Amino acid sequence: MLGFLLWLVAHRLLRDWIYAGDIWHPILMDLSLFVIALSLSLGLLIVG
């Protein structure tokens, strides 16, 4: 759940940049942000 919440915040903040398509395909960028958010939340759970 924590990873999903982190992804929701990151997606909301970076939505215009993601869907502009300047960097990468929007769906791939969205998935990569989701994986990063899950990894960060797992790291937080392990450390904390």
PDB file of N, CA and C in Angstrom:
ATOM      1  N   MET A   1       0.822  -1.201   0.000  1.00  0.00           N
ATOM      2  CA  MET A   1       0.000   0.000   0.000  1.00  0.00           C
ATOM      3  C   MET A   1       0.862   1.259   0.000  1.00  0.00           C
ATOM      4  N   LEU A   2       1.967   1.197   0.751  1.00  0.00           N
ATOM      5  CA  LEU A   2       2.824   2.374   0.830  1.00  0.00           C
ATOM      6  C   LEU A   2       3.403   2.730  -0.535  1.00  0.00           C
ATOM      7  N   GLY A   3       3.814   1.718  -1.289  1.00  0.00           N
ATOM      8  CA  GLY A   3       4.351   1.966  -2.625  1.00  0.00           C
ATOM      9  C   GLY A   3       3.318   2.579  -3.551  1.00  0.00           C
ATOM     10  N   PHE A   4       2.084   2.108  -3.455  1.00  0.00           N
ATOM     11  CA  PHE A   4       1.015   2.659  -4.276  1.00  0.00           C
ATOM     12  C   PHE A   4       0.752   4.116  -3.919  1.00  0.00           C
ATOM     13  N   LEU A   5       0.779   4.429  -2.629  1.00  0.00           N
ATOM     14  CA  LEU A   5       0.560   5.815  -2.210  1.00  0.00           C
ATOM     15  C   LEU A   5       1.700   6.717  -2.677  1.00  0.00           C
ATOM     16  N   LEU A   6       2.930   6.214  -2.607  1.00  0.00           N
ATOM     17  CA  LEU A   6       4.064   6.990  -3.118  1.00  0.00           C
ATOM     18  C   LEU A   6       3.929   7.222  -4.619  1.00  0.00           C
ATOM     19  N   TRP A   7       3.478   6.183  -5.334  1.00  0.00           N
ATOM     20  CA  TRP A   7       3.298   6.316  -6.779  1.00  0.00           C
ATOM     21  C   TRP A   7       2.206   7.334  -7.100  1.00  0.00           C
ATOM     22  N   LEU A   8       1.127   7.324  -6.318  1.00  0.00           N
ATOM     23  CA  LEU A   8       0.059   8.294  -6.567  1.00  0.00           C
ATOM     24  C   LEU A   8       0.557   9.729  -6.427  1.00  0.00           C
ATOM     25  N   VAL A   9       1.369   9.975  -5.414  1.00  0.00           N
ATOM     26  CA  VAL A   9       1.914  11.321  -5.211  1.00  0.00           C
ATOM     27  C   VAL A   9       2.864  11.684  -6.353  1.00  0.00           C
ATOM     28  N   ALA A  10       3.776  10.774  -6.697  1.00  0.00           N
ATOM     29  CA  ALA A  10       4.732  11.049  -7.770  1.00  0.00           C
ATOM     30  C   ALA A  10       4.014  11.226  -9.108  1.00  0.00           C
ATOM     31  N   HIS A  11       2.997  10.413  -9.360  1.00  0.00           N
ATOM     32  CA  HIS A  11       2.262  10.502 -10.615  1.00  0.00           C
ATOM     33  C   HIS A  11       1.540  11.845 -10.719  1.00  0.00           C
ATOM     34  N   ARG A  12       0.973  12.286  -9.614  1.00  0.00           N
ATOM     35  CA  ARG A  12       0.254  13.568  -9.608  1.00  0.00           C
ATOM     36  C   ARG A  12       1.216  14.737  -9.862  1.00  0.00           C
ATOM     37  N   LEU A  13       2.413  14.663  -9.265  1.00  0.00           N
ATOM     38  CA  LEU A  13       3.381  15.748  -9.422  1.00  0.00           C
ATOM     39  C   LEU A  13       4.004  15.776 -10.819  1.00  0.00           C
ATOM     40  N   LEU A  14       4.216  14.617 -11.421  1.00  0.00           N
ATOM     41  CA  LEU A  14       4.936  14.537 -12.686  1.00  0.00           C
ATOM     42  C   LEU A  14       4.039  14.232 -13.885  1.00  0.00           C
ATOM     43  N   ARG A  15       2.732  14.311 -13.719  1.00  0.00           N
ATOM     44  CA  ARG A  15       1.800  13.891 -14.761  1.00  0.00           C
ATOM     45  C   ARG A  15       1.991  14.650 -16.078  1.00  0.00           C
ATOM     46  N   ASP A  16       2.126  15.965 -16.034  1.00  0.00           N
ATOM     47  CA  ASP A  16       2.283  16.734 -17.268  1.00  0.00           C
ATOM     48  C   ASP A  16       3.565  16.354 -17.996  1.00  0.00           C
ATOM     49  N   TRP A  17       4.644  16.151 -17.240  1.00  0.00           N
ATOM     50  CA  TRP A  17       5.935  15.788 -17.821  1.00  0.00           C
ATOM     51  C   TRP A  17       5.902  14.378 -18.411  1.00  0.00           C
ATOM     52  N   ILE A  18       5.217  13.469 -17.721  1.00  0.00           N
ATOM     53  CA  ILE A  18       5.136  12.085 -18.204  1.00  0.00           C
ATOM     54  C   ILE A  18       4.369  12.024 -19.523  1.00  0.00           C
ATOM     55  N   TYR A  19       3.210  12.658 -19.579  1.00  0.00           N
ATOM     56  CA  TYR A  19       2.356  12.540 -20.752  1.00  0.00           C
ATOM     57  C   TYR A  19       2.759  13.460 -21.898  1.00  0.00           C
ATOM     58  N   ALA A  20       3.776  14.292 -21.687  1.00  0.00           N
ATOM     59  CA  ALA A  20       4.308  15.088 -22.789  1.00  0.00           C
ATOM     60  C   ALA A  20       5.068  14.187 -23.761  1.00  0.00           C
ATOM     61  N   GLY A  21       5.617  13.079 -23.251  1.00  0.00           N
ATOM     62  CA  GLY A  21       6.310  12.125 -24.109  1.00  0.00           C
ATOM     63  C   GLY A  21       7.694  12.568 -24.524  1.00  0.00           C
ATOM     64  N   ASP A  22       8.255  13.556 -23.840  1.00  0.00           N
ATOM     65  CA  ASP A  22       9.578  14.056 -24.206  1.00  0.00           C
ATOM     66  C   ASP A  22      10.678  13.062 -23.868  1.00  0.00           C
ATOM     67  N   ILE A  23      10.555  12.374 -22.763  1.00  0.00           N
ATOM     68  CA  ILE A  23      11.615  11.506 -22.286  1.00  0.00           C
ATOM     69  C   ILE A  23      11.433  10.079 -22.781  1.00  0.00           C
ATOM     70  N   TRP A  24      10.276   9.495 -22.537  1.00  0.00           N
ATOM     71  CA  TRP A  24      10.049   8.086 -22.770  1.00  0.00           C
ATOM     72  C   TRP A  24       8.576   7.886 -23.088  1.00  0.00           C
ATOM     73  N   HIS A  25       8.186   6.699 -23.456  1.00  0.00           N
ATOM     74  CA  HIS A  25       6.772   6.424 -23.677  1.00  0.00           C
ATOM     75  C   HIS A  25       6.032   6.583 -22.344  1.00  0.00           C
ATOM     76  N   PRO A  26       4.884   7.240 -22.327  1.00  0.00           N
ATOM     77  CA  PRO A  26       4.177   7.517 -21.065  1.00  0.00           C
ATOM     78  C   PRO A  26       3.870   6.276 -20.230  1.00  0.00           C
ATOM     79  N   ILE A  27       3.471   5.179 -20.850  1.00  0.00           N
ATOM     80  CA  ILE A  27       3.128   3.985 -20.077  1.00  0.00           C
ATOM     81  C   ILE A  27       4.379   3.392 -19.434  1.00  0.00           C
ATOM     82  N   LEU A  28       5.495   3.363 -20.174  1.00  0.00           N
ATOM     83  CA  LEU A  28       6.742   2.843 -19.610  1.00  0.00           C
ATOM     84  C   LEU A  28       7.245   3.725 -18.471  1.00  0.00           C
ATOM     85  N   MET A  29       7.102   5.025 -18.623  1.00  0.00           N
ATOM     86  CA  MET A  29       7.513   5.949 -17.564  1.00  0.00           C
ATOM     87  C   MET A  29       6.646   5.745 -16.329  1.00  0.00           C
ATOM     88  N   ASP A  30       5.357   5.550 -16.524  1.00  0.00           N
ATOM     89  CA  ASP A  30       4.442   5.299 -15.413  1.00  0.00           C
ATOM     90  C   ASP A  30       4.799   4.004 -14.682  1.00  0.00           C
ATOM     91  N   LEU A  31       5.069   2.955 -15.443  1.00  0.00           N
ATOM     92  CA  LEU A  31       5.451   1.674 -14.834  1.00  0.00           C
ATOM     93  C   LEU A  31       6.778   1.761 -14.103  1.00  0.00           C
ATOM     94  N   SER A  32       7.728   2.480 -14.670  1.00  0.00           N
ATOM     95  CA  SER A  32       9.016   2.608 -13.995  1.00  0.00           C
ATOM     96  C   SER A  32       8.881   3.405 -12.699  1.00  0.00           C
ATOM     97  N   LEU A  33       8.045   4.427 -12.695  1.00  0.00           N
ATOM     98  CA  LEU A  33       7.794   5.167 -11.453  1.00  0.00           C
ATOM     99  C   LEU A  33       7.131   4.270 -10.412  1.00  0.00           C
ATOM    100  N   PHE A  34       6.241   3.396 -10.859  1.00  0.00           N
ATOM    101  CA  PHE A  34       5.574   2.482  -9.933  1.00  0.00           C
ATOM    102  C   PHE A  34       6.572   1.513  -9.316  1.00  0.00           C
ATOM    103  N   VAL A  35       7.482   0.978 -10.129  1.00  0.00           N
ATOM    104  CA  VAL A  35       8.495   0.052  -9.616  1.00  0.00           C
ATOM    105  C   VAL A  35       9.437   0.771  -8.650  1.00  0.00           C
ATOM    106  N   ILE A  36       9.813   1.992  -8.954  1.00  0.00           N
ATOM    107  CA  ILE A  36      10.670   2.769  -8.058  1.00  0.00           C
ATOM    108  C   ILE A  36       9.954   3.028  -6.741  1.00  0.00           C
ATOM    109  N   ALA A  37       8.675   3.368  -6.796  1.00  0.00           N
ATOM    110  CA  ALA A  37       7.907   3.622  -5.572  1.00  0.00           C
ATOM    111  C   ALA A  37       7.791   2.352  -4.735  1.00  0.00           C
ATOM    112  N   LEU A  38       7.574   1.203  -5.376  1.00  0.00           N
ATOM    113  CA  LEU A  38       7.506  -0.056  -4.635  1.00  0.00           C
ATOM    114  C   LEU A  38       8.847  -0.389  -3.991  1.00  0.00           C
ATOM    115  N   SER A  39       9.928  -0.159  -4.717  1.00  0.00           N
ATOM    116  CA  SER A  39      11.259  -0.424  -4.175  1.00  0.00           C
ATOM    117  C   SER A  39      11.565   0.490  -2.991  1.00  0.00           C
ATOM    118  N   LEU A  40      11.211   1.746  -3.107  1.00  0.00           N
ATOM    119  CA  LEU A  40      11.430   2.669  -1.989  1.00  0.00           C
ATOM    120  C   LEU A  40      10.614   2.289  -0.763  1.00  0.00           C
ATOM    121  N   SER A  41       9.381   1.894  -0.974  1.00  0.00           N
ATOM    122  CA  SER A  41       8.554   1.519   0.169  1.00  0.00           C
ATOM    123  C   SER A  41       9.059   0.234   0.819  1.00  0.00           C
ATOM    124  N   LEU A  42       9.535  -0.713   0.016  1.00  0.00           N
ATOM    125  CA  LEU A  42      10.114  -1.930   0.582  1.00  0.00           C
ATOM    126  C   LEU A  42      11.377  -1.599   1.372  1.00  0.00           C
ATOM    127  N   GLY A  43      12.191  -0.724   0.834  1.00  0.00           N
ATOM    128  CA  GLY A  43      13.383  -0.280   1.550  1.00  0.00           C
ATOM    129  C   GLY A  43      13.046   0.399   2.869  1.00  0.00           C
ATOM    130  N   LEU A  44      12.013   1.228   2.854  1.00  0.00           N
ATOM    131  CA  LEU A  44      11.581   1.888   4.091  1.00  0.00           C
ATOM    132  C   LEU A  44      11.084   0.881   5.134  1.00  0.00           C
ATOM    133  N   LEU A  45      10.387  -0.146   4.673  1.00  0.00           N
ATOM    134  CA  LEU A  45       9.898  -1.161   5.603  1.00  0.00           C
ATOM    135  C   LEU A  45      11.043  -2.002   6.175  1.00  0.00           C
ATOM    136  N   ILE A  46      12.058  -2.258   5.368  1.00  0.00           N
ATOM    137  CA  ILE A  46      13.194  -3.047   5.844  1.00  0.00           C
ATOM    138  C   ILE A  46      14.014  -2.238   6.842  1.00  0.00           C
ATOM    139  N   VAL A  47      14.275  -0.967   6.540  1.00  0.00           N
ATOM    140  CA  VAL A  47      15.090  -0.123   7.418  1.00  0.00           C
ATOM    141  C   VAL A  47      14.350   0.217   8.697  1.00  0.00           C
ATOM    142  N   GLY A  48      13.058   0.524   8.562  1.00  0.00           N
ATOM    143  CA  GLY A  48      12.279   0.979   9.726  1.00  0.00           C
ATOM    144  C   GLY A  48      11.805  -0.176  10.479  1.00  0.00           C
TER     145      GLY A  48
END
